[in-house]
C-alpha cells in the first residue's frame, strides 16, 4: 500500500526529528537534482558574464553605481540638490503679450525641424525663461521670447511679479537683455555667475532650468552632447555655434540657463530639434562666451556693432586644397572681394585662403564670420593668407558691418551642370552684370561631363583659371591647354552677384 505525498519545497521531511536524517522521496530527489543543476548553470552564466564585465561579484540587491572618471578616480552620480538650491533664485519666468501678427516668421510649420518657440499668428501670449545676471535687475533671455512684446511680466521664484522693459536685442544671435522695473526689495535679485563655455567638455554634466510649458522652475539634467553645432537658422547661420545637450529642453525653456556643476551659466537654451514640438534629446544652447561679448553692447547701446571685412568665402575641400597647393583642407577661400572694403584696401585677393585672423586660427570657413564680427570696429589686425602655396601676412583695419552687409559671408554652392564664348556688353546686360565684367561666358555644358560634375552651367562667367585672369576665349583655351589631361582645373565662376571656385576634375576612364 502506497501513500501520495505533496513535495515539500522547504526541504524538510514531515515528522523528522532532531538528529534524524530527512527522508528523500523520489519526487524530492528529482526536485533537488533540478534545483542543484539550475544553480550550477546559473552560477556558470553569472561567472562568465562577470569575467567579461567587472570581474567581481555583484549581488542583484546591490545599488548600481556607474563609474565616472574624474581625475583618475571613480565617483557616484552627482547630487544636484545643492546646485539647484543655489541657482533657482536667479531664474525667472517671462510672460509677454504682443500685437497681432499675420506671419509665422519661418519658425513653425512645414518640415523645418528646428522649432523656435512661441511664434503663433494673431495676438500672442507667450512664456519663456531668463536669468538675473546683475544686482540692478538686468535679465538675459532670447530675442525670440520678447520680440515685438508690448508688455513683459517677470515672475521670480518668490512668486512676485514685476513688469520689465527691453533694453536691447540681437536677432542674429537670438540674445536679448531686459530690465526688471520697480523691484520692492533689491535683495530678491540674485545674480547667477557666468562660466566659460570654451572650457566645456563633451560628456560634462549640465542642468537646464526654466519654465517648460509654464511649469515654473523645472530642472532637467543631461550632458554636453557636442559643441560648435551649426543648425542653419534663417538669417542667423553665420553666427551659429551651439552647445548641443540631451538635457530636456521644451517650449518655455527658451532663454533659460544651461548650468554646469559649479553653478555657472555656460549657455542659453534656445532651440530644439524636433518634428513633434517636444523634446527628443537634442537641444541647443547659445555659448555663454558669445553672450558675454554681446550683452555689454546691448546694455549700453541697445544693439550690437560687428566688424566687417568685406569678402565672400567658401569652404576648402580636398580638391580645392590640392589645386591651390595647400597641405590640407581648411581655412576660408576668398571667392569675392567687395570694392572699397577693408579686405581690398589690405590687399586680400581672389583665391587667397584665410587661415588666421587676429591671432585666431580659421580651421573652417564657417568660423571666420563670427571671428570677424567679434573684432572691434577700427582695430587693425594681422590676417594670414595662403597665396600661391605660401603664407602671407596682411594688415587689415576692420570696419563696421552695416545691416545687410557681409563681414565674411559664405558663398552658396549649388549643384549645376563647357563651350564658352566672348563676353559682350549685351550678354552682360542679359545676365544682369556690369558692362565692364570680364571673363568668358559658358554657353553650354554637356550632361555627365567633368564640367557638369563640377557644377558649371550655361550663363556662368569664368573669370579665372588657376590663379590667372581670363580676358578672352583664346586666353581661356591657352590656360586650359597648359594643364595635363589628368590634372584638375580650378576656375573662378561669376554667377549673378556671387562668385565661387569650382574644381573641374578629369573624366574617369
Protein backbone atom coordinates (compact mmCIF):
# COMPACT_ATOMS: atom_id res chain seq x y z
CA UNK A 1 0.00 0.00 0.00
CA UNK A 2 1.43 3.33 -1.01
CA UNK A 3 0.62 6.90 0.02
CA UNK A 4 0.71 10.00 -2.10
CA UNK A 5 2.76 12.94 -0.70
CA UNK A 6 2.97 16.53 -1.98
CA UNK A 7 6.57 17.72 -2.49
CA UNK A 8 7.98 19.72 0.43
CA UNK A 9 9.66 22.76 -1.06
CA UNK A 10 11.28 23.64 2.26
CA UNK A 11 13.45 20.52 2.06
CA UNK A 12 12.21 19.16 5.43
CA UNK A 13 10.68 15.73 5.83
CA UNK A 14 7.37 15.52 7.57
CA UNK A 15 7.71 14.27 11.11
CA UNK A 16 11.50 14.42 11.07
CA UNK A 17 13.03 15.00 14.44
CA UNK A 18 16.31 16.33 15.75
CA UNK A 19 19.29 14.23 14.80
CA UNK A 20 17.28 12.24 12.33
CA UNK A 21 18.20 12.34 8.65
CA UNK A 22 15.43 13.58 6.37
CA UNK A 23 13.73 11.03 4.21
CA UNK A 24 14.27 11.70 0.49
CA UNK A 25 11.30 10.63 -1.58
CA UNK A 26 11.64 10.07 -5.36
CA UNK A 27 9.75 13.30 -6.04
CA UNK A 28 12.01 15.25 -3.72
CA UNK A 29 15.07 13.63 -5.25
CA UNK A 30 14.06 14.81 -8.72
CA UNK A 31 13.27 18.31 -7.45
CA UNK A 32 16.57 18.69 -5.61
CA UNK A 33 18.53 17.43 -8.61
CA UNK A 34 16.82 20.03 -10.81
CA UNK A 35 17.47 22.82 -8.31
CA UNK A 36 21.14 21.93 -7.91
CA UNK A 37 21.61 21.65 -11.68
CA UNK A 38 19.90 25.00 -12.22
CA UNK A 39 22.04 26.63 -9.57
CA UNK A 40 25.22 25.32 -11.17
CA UNK A 41 24.12 26.55 -14.60
CA UNK A 42 23.12 29.92 -13.13
CA UNK A 43 26.45 30.33 -11.38
CA UNK A 44 28.26 29.45 -14.57
CA UNK A 45 26.39 32.11 -16.53
CA UNK A 46 26.92 34.66 -13.78
CA UNK A 47 30.62 33.98 -13.57
CA UNK A 48 31.04 34.05 -17.35
CA UNK A 49 29.30 37.41 -17.50
CA UNK A 50 31.31 38.62 -14.56
CA UNK A 51 34.62 37.78 -16.24
CA UNK A 52 33.63 39.76 -19.31
CA UNK A 53 32.34 42.66 -17.26
CA UNK A 54 33.56 44.00 -13.97
CA UNK A 55 35.45 40.84 -12.86
CA UNK A 56 33.80 40.99 -9.42
CA UNK A 57 30.65 39.61 -7.85
CA UNK A 58 27.62 41.91 -7.85
CA UNK A 59 24.53 40.96 -5.87
CA UNK A 60 21.24 41.72 -7.54
CA UNK A 61 20.09 43.62 -4.48
CA UNK A 62 23.11 45.98 -4.52
CA UNK A 63 22.61 49.55 -5.84
CA UNK A 64 24.02 50.21 -9.32
CA UNK A 65 26.94 52.63 -9.29
CA UNK A 66 28.08 53.96 -12.65
CA UNK A 67 31.82 54.64 -12.91
CA UNK A 68 32.50 58.25 -13.83
CA UNK A 69 36.10 59.19 -14.39
CA UNK A 70 37.22 62.42 -12.70
CA UNK A 71 40.94 62.84 -12.37
CA UNK A 72 41.56 59.11 -12.34
CA UNK A 73 39.07 58.33 -9.54
CA UNK A 74 35.62 56.76 -9.68
CA UNK A 75 32.71 58.74 -8.24
CA UNK A 76 28.99 58.24 -7.91
CA UNK A 77 26.42 60.12 -9.97
CA UNK A 78 26.22 63.74 -8.82
CA UNK A 79 23.63 65.04 -6.38
CA UNK A 80 22.11 68.16 -7.94
CA UNK A 81 20.07 69.36 -4.95
CA UNK A 82 22.55 71.91 -3.58
CA UNK A 83 23.21 73.22 -7.08
CA UNK A 84 19.50 73.70 -7.79
CA UNK A 85 19.01 75.47 -4.44
CA UNK A 86 21.82 77.89 -5.27
CA UNK A 87 20.77 78.69 -8.82
CA UNK A 88 16.96 78.67 -8.69
CA UNK A 89 16.54 82.16 -7.12
CA UNK A 90 18.19 83.63 -10.23
CA UNK A 91 15.81 82.00 -12.71
CA UNK A 92 12.75 83.96 -13.82
CA UNK A 93 9.58 83.22 -15.70
CA UNK A 94 8.90 85.64 -18.56
CA UNK A 95 5.42 86.15 -19.97
CA UNK A 96 4.74 88.53 -22.83
CA UNK A 97 1.85 90.00 -24.75
CA UNK A 98 2.46 91.02 -28.35
CA UNK A 99 0.49 92.81 -31.01
CA UNK A 100 -1.36 90.92 -33.71
CA UNK A 101 0.83 89.47 -36.45
CA UNK A 102 -0.04 87.54 -39.58
CA UNK A 103 3.17 85.69 -40.39
CA UNK A 104 4.94 82.70 -38.93
CA UNK A 105 8.43 84.13 -39.44
CA UNK A 106 9.65 80.76 -40.63
CA UNK A 107 9.64 79.39 -37.09
CA UNK A 108 6.90 76.79 -37.30
CA UNK A 109 5.12 74.62 -39.81
CA UNK A 110 6.37 72.82 -42.88
CA UNK A 111 9.19 70.35 -42.46
CA UNK A 112 11.53 72.64 -40.53
CA UNK A 113 12.76 70.52 -37.59
CA UNK A 114 14.02 73.49 -35.62
CA UNK A 115 11.15 74.73 -33.52
CA UNK A 116 11.74 78.29 -32.38
CA UNK A 117 9.30 78.73 -29.60
CA UNK A 118 6.15 80.81 -29.31
CA UNK A 119 5.68 82.02 -32.88
CA UNK A 120 1.94 82.00 -33.42
CA UNK A 121 -0.09 84.09 -35.87
CA UNK A 122 -2.53 86.58 -34.38
CA UNK A 123 -2.44 88.12 -30.90
CA UNK A 124 0.14 86.29 -28.83
CA UNK A 125 0.64 85.46 -25.20
CA UNK A 126 3.85 83.56 -24.69
CA UNK A 127 6.03 82.18 -21.98
CA UNK A 128 9.78 81.93 -21.73
CA UNK A 129 12.61 81.91 -19.26
CA UNK A 130 15.55 84.05 -18.30
CA UNK A 131 18.08 84.62 -15.55
CA UNK A 132 19.28 87.58 -13.49
CA UNK A 133 22.92 88.38 -14.16
CA UNK A 134 23.47 91.52 -12.09
CA UNK A 135 22.05 93.21 -8.99
CA UNK A 136 20.44 96.05 -10.96
CA UNK A 137 17.79 93.68 -12.29
CA UNK A 138 19.10 93.00 -15.79
CA UNK A 139 17.93 89.68 -17.19
CA UNK A 140 19.32 87.70 -20.12
CA UNK A 141 16.89 85.82 -22.34
CA UNK A 142 16.28 85.04 -26.02
CA UNK A 143 15.37 87.65 -28.61
CA UNK A 144 12.51 85.49 -29.84
CA UNK A 145 10.98 85.41 -26.34
CA UNK A 146 10.50 89.21 -26.19
CA UNK A 147 10.39 90.08 -29.88
CA UNK A 148 7.57 92.57 -30.60
CA UNK A 149 6.34 92.34 -27.00
CA UNK A 150 4.06 95.18 -25.89
CA UNK A 151 4.09 94.00 -22.28
CA UNK A 152 6.60 91.89 -20.36
CA UNK A 153 5.99 90.43 -16.91
CA UNK A 154 8.75 88.72 -14.93
CA UNK A 155 7.95 86.33 -12.09
CA UNK A 156 10.62 85.50 -9.54
CA UNK A 157 10.99 82.28 -7.55
CA UNK A 158 9.21 84.04 -4.69
CA UNK A 159 6.11 84.26 -6.94
CA UNK A 160 6.36 88.06 -7.01
CA UNK A 161 5.71 89.60 -10.40
CA UNK A 162 7.19 92.76 -11.91
CA UNK A 163 6.94 94.47 -15.23
CA UNK A 164 10.08 94.62 -17.35
CA UNK A 165 11.29 96.51 -20.40
CA UNK A 166 13.51 95.54 -23.31
CA UNK A 167 16.96 97.10 -23.07
CA UNK A 168 18.40 95.63 -26.25
CA UNK A 169 18.12 92.65 -28.57
CA UNK A 170 20.27 90.99 -31.20
CA UNK A 171 18.24 88.92 -33.69
CA UNK A 172 21.34 87.49 -35.36
CA UNK A 173 22.38 85.63 -32.21
CA UNK A 174 18.90 85.46 -30.61
CA UNK A 175 20.08 87.23 -27.45
CA UNK A 176 18.14 89.87 -25.53
CA UNK A 177 18.57 91.90 -22.34
CA UNK A 178 15.56 93.10 -20.36
CA UNK A 179 15.37 95.02 -17.08
CA UNK A 180 13.02 94.37 -14.16
CA UNK A 181 11.25 97.58 -13.07
CA UNK A 182 10.37 98.87 -9.59
CA UNK A 183 11.68 95.96 -7.54
CA UNK A 184 10.49 96.25 -3.94
CA UNK A 185 13.46 94.53 -2.34
CA UNK A 186 16.74 94.54 -4.32
CA UNK A 187 17.92 91.53 -2.31
CA UNK A 188 15.34 89.48 -4.20
CA UNK A 189 17.54 89.84 -7.29
CA UNK A 190 20.14 87.09 -7.04
CA UNK A 191 22.64 87.18 -9.93
CA UNK A 192 23.96 83.88 -11.23
CA UNK A 193 27.67 83.73 -12.16
CA UNK A 194 28.69 83.27 -15.77
CA UNK A 195 31.05 80.42 -16.63
CA UNK A 196 33.32 79.67 -19.57
CA UNK A 197 31.76 77.71 -22.42
CA UNK A 198 35.12 77.30 -24.13
CA UNK A 199 36.21 75.03 -21.28
CA UNK A 200 33.15 72.79 -21.57
CA UNK A 201 33.89 69.17 -22.34
CA UNK A 202 31.69 66.81 -24.30
CA UNK A 203 30.20 64.43 -21.75
CA UNK A 204 30.18 67.00 -18.94
CA UNK A 205 27.08 67.20 -16.76
CA UNK A 206 24.77 70.22 -17.22
CA UNK A 207 21.36 71.30 -15.96
CA UNK A 208 18.64 73.11 -17.89
CA UNK A 209 16.41 75.23 -15.65
CA UNK A 210 13.37 77.09 -16.88
CA UNK A 211 9.62 77.10 -17.35
CA UNK A 212 8.69 74.47 -19.95
CA UNK A 213 5.00 74.71 -20.83
CA UNK A 214 4.65 77.26 -18.00
CA UNK A 215 5.82 74.82 -15.29
CA UNK A 216 7.91 77.13 -13.12
CA UNK A 217 11.49 76.28 -12.21
CA UNK A 218 11.61 72.86 -13.80
CA UNK A 219 15.03 71.22 -13.69
CA UNK A 220 16.36 68.65 -16.16
CA UNK A 221 19.80 67.08 -16.22
CA UNK A 222 21.93 65.79 -19.05
CA UNK A 223 25.33 66.05 -20.60
CA UNK A 224 27.03 68.16 -23.23
CA UNK A 225 26.41 66.09 -26.36
CA UNK A 226 28.51 68.19 -28.75
CA UNK A 227 29.96 71.66 -29.27
CA UNK A 228 30.14 74.00 -32.24
CA UNK A 229 26.86 72.85 -33.78
CA UNK A 230 25.52 74.82 -36.75
CA UNK A 231 21.83 74.38 -37.40
CA UNK A 232 21.41 76.82 -40.32
CA UNK A 233 18.82 79.08 -38.76
CA UNK A 234 17.30 81.59 -41.19
CA UNK A 235 19.30 84.87 -41.21
CA UNK A 236 21.49 83.71 -38.33
CA UNK A 237 23.56 80.80 -39.54
CA UNK A 238 26.85 82.75 -39.89
CA UNK A 239 26.81 83.11 -36.10
CA UNK A 240 25.65 79.61 -35.19
CA UNK A 241 27.93 77.95 -32.68
CA UNK A 242 25.63 75.95 -30.43
CA UNK A 243 26.19 73.67 -27.48
CA UNK A 244 24.17 70.50 -28.02
CA UNK A 245 22.74 68.79 -24.94
CA UNK A 246 20.41 65.93 -24.12
CA UNK A 247 19.07 67.73 -21.03
CA UNK A 248 15.35 68.01 -21.76
CA UNK A 249 14.52 71.39 -23.33
CA UNK A 250 10.94 72.18 -24.29
CA UNK A 251 8.85 75.22 -25.27
CA UNK A 252 9.14 77.61 -22.33
CA UNK A 253 12.79 76.78 -21.64
CA UNK A 254 13.83 79.42 -24.17
CA UNK A 255 16.11 81.99 -22.57
CA UNK A 256 16.77 79.87 -19.51
CA UNK A 257 20.28 78.92 -18.45
CA UNK A 258 22.33 75.83 -19.10
CA UNK A 259 24.33 75.41 -15.90
CA UNK A 260 27.48 73.44 -15.11
CA UNK A 261 28.15 71.63 -11.82
CA UNK A 262 29.91 74.72 -10.45
CA UNK A 263 26.63 76.63 -10.62
CA UNK A 264 27.79 78.79 -13.53
CA UNK A 265 25.79 79.58 -16.64
CA UNK A 266 27.53 78.11 -19.68
CA UNK A 267 24.76 78.61 -22.22
CA UNK A 268 21.30 79.99 -23.02
CA UNK A 269 18.76 77.37 -24.02
CA UNK A 270 17.46 78.47 -27.40
CA UNK A 271 16.26 75.76 -29.77
CA UNK A 272 15.36 72.11 -30.11
CA UNK A 273 15.49 69.60 -32.92
CA UNK A 274 12.01 68.12 -33.07
CA UNK A 275 9.34 67.23 -35.59
CA UNK A 276 6.69 66.99 -32.89
CA UNK A 277 7.48 70.18 -30.95
CA UNK A 278 8.56 68.21 -27.88
CA UNK A 279 11.94 67.16 -26.58
CA UNK A 280 13.65 64.18 -28.18
CA UNK A 281 17.02 64.64 -26.52
CA UNK A 282 18.54 67.15 -28.95
CA UNK A 283 18.59 70.68 -27.60
CA UNK A 284 20.77 73.67 -28.40
CA UNK A 285 22.16 76.42 -26.20
CA UNK A 286 23.99 79.62 -27.14
CA UNK A 287 27.52 79.52 -25.64
CA UNK A 288 27.91 81.98 -22.79
CA UNK A 289 31.21 83.22 -24.25
CA UNK A 290 29.25 84.66 -27.18
CA UNK A 291 26.71 86.15 -24.80
CA UNK A 292 29.41 87.75 -22.67
CA UNK A 293 30.71 89.69 -25.68
CA UNK A 294 27.27 90.90 -26.75
CA UNK A 295 25.48 91.77 -23.50
CA UNK A 296 27.59 94.88 -22.64
CA UNK A 297 26.73 96.38 -26.05
CA UNK A 298 23.04 95.60 -25.58
CA UNK A 299 23.05 97.26 -22.16
CA UNK A 300 24.82 100.39 -23.39
CA UNK A 301 23.57 100.83 -26.95
CA UNK A 302 20.57 98.51 -27.32
CA UNK A 303 22.13 96.85 -30.35
CA UNK A 304 25.34 95.16 -31.45
CA UNK A 305 28.11 96.58 -33.63
CA UNK A 306 30.02 93.98 -35.63
CA UNK A 307 33.23 94.02 -37.57
CA UNK A 308 33.26 93.95 -41.38
CA UNK A 309 35.98 92.52 -43.60
CA UNK A 310 34.28 92.70 -46.99
CA UNK A 311 34.77 89.31 -48.57
CA UNK A 312 32.67 86.36 -49.65
CA UNK A 313 34.11 82.99 -48.73
CA UNK A 314 33.62 79.29 -49.30
CA UNK A 315 34.96 76.08 -47.76
CA UNK A 316 38.20 74.48 -48.86
CA UNK A 317 37.67 70.80 -49.67
CA UNK A 318 40.31 68.28 -50.69
CA UNK A 319 40.02 69.07 -54.40
CA UNK A 320 40.39 72.80 -53.89
CA UNK A 321 43.24 72.28 -51.42
CA UNK A 322 45.06 70.15 -53.97
CA UNK A 323 44.52 72.73 -56.72
CA UNK A 324 45.86 75.54 -54.51
CA UNK A 325 48.88 73.54 -53.30
CA UNK A 326 47.62 73.55 -49.71
CA UNK A 327 48.91 70.99 -47.25
CA UNK A 328 45.40 70.08 -46.14
CA UNK A 329 41.77 71.28 -46.44
CA UNK A 330 40.90 74.15 -44.14
CA UNK A 331 40.64 77.90 -43.92
CA UNK A 332 38.31 80.24 -45.79
CA UNK A 333 38.71 80.60 -49.56
CA UNK A 334 38.09 84.17 -50.76
CA UNK A 335 35.61 83.99 -53.62
CA UNK A 336 34.89 87.71 -53.84
CA UNK A 337 36.39 90.94 -52.51
CA UNK A 338 33.97 93.84 -52.18
CA UNK A 339 35.08 97.17 -53.67
CA UNK A 340 36.38 99.76 -51.22
CA UNK A 341 36.29 97.22 -48.39
CA UNK A 342 38.86 96.63 -45.63
CA UNK A 343 39.87 93.44 -47.44
CA UNK A 344 40.51 95.24 -50.73
CA UNK A 345 42.47 98.03 -49.05
CA UNK A 346 44.60 95.44 -47.23
CA UNK A 347 45.45 93.62 -50.45
CA UNK A 348 43.39 90.46 -49.97
CA UNK A 349 42.83 88.85 -53.38
CA UNK A 350 40.55 86.32 -55.02
CA UNK A 351 41.85 82.84 -54.38
CA UNK A 352 43.53 83.72 -51.08
CA UNK A 353 42.85 81.27 -48.28
CA UNK A 354 42.47 82.98 -44.91
CA UNK A 355 43.97 80.68 -42.27
CA UNK A 356 44.40 83.10 -39.33
CA UNK A 357 42.63 86.28 -38.30
CA UNK A 358 43.85 88.47 -35.43
CA UNK A 359 45.84 85.61 -33.96
CA UNK A 360 42.93 83.17 -34.11
CA UNK A 361 43.11 80.12 -36.34
CA UNK A 362 40.45 79.67 -39.01
CA UNK A 363 40.11 75.89 -39.28
CA UNK A 364 36.94 76.13 -41.36
CA UNK A 365 35.31 78.84 -43.47
CA UNK A 366 32.26 78.82 -41.20
CA UNK A 367 34.43 80.00 -38.30
CA UNK A 368 35.51 83.25 -39.96
CA UNK A 369 32.22 85.26 -39.88
CA UNK A 370 31.94 85.04 -36.10
CA UNK A 371 35.63 85.85 -35.61
CA UNK A 372 35.37 88.95 -37.79
CA UNK A 373 32.09 90.00 -36.18
CA UNK A 374 33.64 89.87 -32.69
CA UNK A 375 36.54 92.10 -33.72
CA UNK A 376 36.18 95.73 -32.53
CA UNK A 377 35.49 98.24 -35.26
CA UNK A 378 38.58 100.26 -36.11
CA UNK A 379 41.02 97.67 -34.83
CA UNK A 380 43.95 96.82 -37.10
CA UNK A 381 44.64 93.11 -37.14
CA UNK A 382 47.02 90.73 -38.85
CA UNK A 383 45.46 88.37 -41.36
CA UNK A 384 47.42 85.36 -42.58
CA UNK A 385 46.52 84.12 -46.05
CA UNK A 386 47.90 81.36 -48.23
CA UNK A 387 48.61 82.60 -51.75
CA UNK A 388 50.40 80.50 -54.33
CA UNK A 389 51.21 77.89 -51.72
CA UNK A 390 52.97 80.40 -49.45
CA UNK A 391 51.77 82.20 -46.33
CA UNK A 392 51.50 85.96 -46.44
CA UNK A 393 50.71 88.42 -43.62
CA UNK A 394 48.44 91.40 -44.28
CA UNK A 395 47.29 94.24 -42.03
CA UNK A 396 43.53 94.87 -42.08
CA UNK A 397 41.64 97.66 -40.34
CA UNK A 398 38.20 96.28 -39.52
CA UNK A 399 35.20 98.42 -40.47
CA UNK A 400 31.63 98.43 -39.20
CA UNK A 401 29.18 95.88 -40.56
CA UNK A 402 26.06 97.64 -41.78
CA UNK A 403 22.71 95.85 -41.84
CA UNK A 404 22.59 93.57 -44.83
CA UNK A 405 26.35 93.73 -45.31
CA UNK A 406 28.74 90.84 -45.17
CA UNK A 407 31.60 90.58 -42.72
CA UNK A 408 32.74 87.37 -44.31
CA UNK A 409 29.68 85.87 -45.93
CA UNK A 410 29.63 82.25 -47.06
CA UNK A 411 29.00 81.58 -50.75
CA UNK A 412 26.14 79.29 -51.67
CA UNK A 413 27.39 76.48 -53.87
CA UNK A 414 24.60 74.72 -55.72
CA UNK A 415 24.98 71.60 -57.85
CA UNK A 416 24.77 72.72 -61.51
CA UNK A 417 25.86 71.47 -64.91
CA UNK A 418 31.55 73.57 -71.48
CA UNK A 419 31.83 75.51 -74.52
CA UNK A 420 32.46 79.20 -73.97
CA UNK A 421 32.01 82.47 -75.84
CA UNK A 422 33.26 86.02 -75.56
CA UNK A 423 31.69 88.35 -73.04
CA UNK A 424 29.91 91.33 -74.63
CA UNK A 425 28.01 94.28 -73.20
CA UNK A 426 24.73 92.79 -74.43
CA UNK A 427 25.42 89.45 -72.73
CA UNK A 428 26.49 91.22 -69.55
CA UNK A 429 23.22 93.16 -69.58
CA UNK A 430 21.23 89.99 -70.21
CA UNK A 431 22.94 88.31 -67.27
CA UNK A 432 22.39 91.32 -65.05
CA UNK A 433 26.11 92.10 -64.80
CA UNK A 434 28.07 95.32 -65.09
CA UNK A 435 29.07 96.20 -68.68
CA UNK A 436 32.75 96.04 -67.72
CA UNK A 437 32.52 92.47 -66.37
CA UNK A 438 35.42 90.39 -67.69
CA UNK A 439 35.71 86.68 -68.41
CA UNK A 440 34.18 84.16 -70.79
CA UNK A 441 30.57 83.04 -70.77
CA UNK A 442 29.64 79.37 -70.54
CA UNK A 443 27.24 78.81 -73.42
CA UNK A 444 26.56 75.11 -72.86
CA UNK A 445 27.55 72.20 -70.64
CA UNK A 446 27.45 68.58 -71.69
CA UNK A 447 25.48 66.33 -69.43
CA UNK A 448 27.72 64.00 -67.43
CA UNK A 449 30.89 65.87 -68.38
CA UNK A 450 33.58 66.93 -65.87
CA UNK A 451 32.25 70.50 -66.07
CA UNK A 452 28.76 69.29 -65.26
CA UNK A 453 30.11 67.23 -62.39
CA UNK A 454 31.88 70.38 -61.15
CA UNK A 455 28.57 72.24 -61.12
CA UNK A 456 29.04 74.60 -64.03
CA UNK A 457 26.04 75.70 -66.07
CA UNK A 458 25.16 77.87 -69.01
CA UNK A 459 25.33 81.55 -68.14
CA UNK A 460 28.23 81.18 -65.74
CA UNK A 461 31.11 83.59 -66.31
CA UNK A 462 34.56 82.05 -65.87
CA UNK A 463 36.84 84.83 -64.67
CA UNK A 464 39.94 82.89 -63.58
CA UNK A 465 41.69 79.62 -64.38
CA UNK A 466 44.00 78.67 -61.55
CA UNK A 467 45.46 81.99 -60.42
CA UNK A 468 45.31 83.65 -63.86
CA UNK A 469 42.58 86.03 -65.00
CA UNK A 470 40.58 85.19 -68.10
CA UNK A 471 40.01 88.01 -70.61
CA UNK A 472 39.04 86.13 -73.78
CA UNK A 473 38.17 82.74 -75.23
CA UNK A 474 41.69 82.47 -76.63
CA UNK A 475 43.23 83.14 -73.22
CA UNK A 476 40.86 80.62 -71.66
CA UNK A 477 41.87 77.88 -74.14
CA UNK A 478 45.57 78.63 -73.63
CA UNK A 479 45.26 78.41 -69.87
CA UNK A 480 43.26 75.19 -70.04
CA UNK A 481 45.78 73.79 -72.51
CA UNK A 482 48.61 74.29 -70.03
CA UNK A 483 47.10 71.57 -67.84
CA UNK A 484 47.83 67.90 -68.35
CA UNK A 485 44.93 65.59 -69.13
CA UNK A 486 44.91 64.06 -65.68
CA UNK A 487 45.16 67.37 -63.80
CA UNK A 488 42.21 69.10 -62.15
CA UNK A 489 41.43 72.68 -63.13
CA UNK A 490 40.43 75.33 -60.59
CA UNK A 491 38.13 78.00 -62.04
CA UNK A 492 36.55 81.11 -60.55
CA UNK A 493 32.93 81.45 -61.63
CA UNK A 494 30.72 84.54 -61.51
CA UNK A 495 27.05 83.70 -61.17
CA UNK A 496 24.72 86.63 -60.65
CA UNK A 497 26.03 88.59 -57.70
CA UNK A 498 28.02 85.63 -56.37
CA UNK A 499 31.47 84.31 -57.16
CA UNK A 500 32.68 80.85 -56.28
CA UNK A 501 35.51 78.49 -57.06
CA UNK A 502 34.93 75.16 -58.76
CA UNK A 503 37.30 72.28 -59.44
CA UNK A 504 36.87 70.52 -62.79
CA UNK A 505 38.21 67.01 -62.41
CA UNK A 506 39.41 64.90 -65.35
CA UNK A 507 36.93 62.32 -66.59
CA UNK A 508 37.30 58.84 -65.12
CA UNK A 509 38.13 56.16 -67.65
